[in-house]
């Protein structure tokens, strides 16, 4: 009896190990396809070459403000590019631009529903950055509470902070892995672990920001999830 029980136990363990191994392979395949198909950061899509320098970090902050409104992401991205084309690449130029110039740039990107309020927020935010942080977002990073510092920028609420840090983790490694609730919703939809640490273990460090962006796209669209599933099965 003892020998039979032992054999059964070993068999059960072996089957469980195989099942767990298959699940792990499937999840890793999903992550690979997600990165391949939708692993482009929102900053990259907006034309921002992200570095730990003042101008791209400011552009990311503006993009985070635009994306946090209840508006389609493609409109937010187009509006970010329009502001850049209009020369509003840093806090000084944003503050020097007139309110109407900011409204016009936002309108060019299709950001019409919130253009007037957002134009005001962009101006006030630029002035705050110049007055309190010398126009350099990196100084917020060195503050006692960087997230609180970010929230003080007009238009940057908790969602804006999450968007900013999801992308900024590429150059601010102390925030890795930054996979917020929205990214974890995408992980759940794909059948991936809902643990940031487990998800981080499936990718390289320089893939964390692209992974977060891809998972957010999955959370926002069932079609994206289906596309990734189909690619992983194929």
Foldseek 3Di string as FASTA:
>chain_A
DVVVVVVVVVVVVVVVVVVVVVVVLLQLLLLVLLCVPQLDFLLVLLVQPDAQWLQSLVLLLQLLLLVVDPDDSQLSSLLSNLCVVLPVRFLVSLLPDDLVSQLVSSVRSVNNVCSNVSSVLSNQLSVCCCVPVVRGLVVLVVDPHSLVVSCVRPSQHPSSSLSSCLQCCLHVVVCPQRADPLLLLLCVLLVHDSDSVRVPVSDDSNSRSSSNRSSNVSSVDVVSSVVSSVSSVD
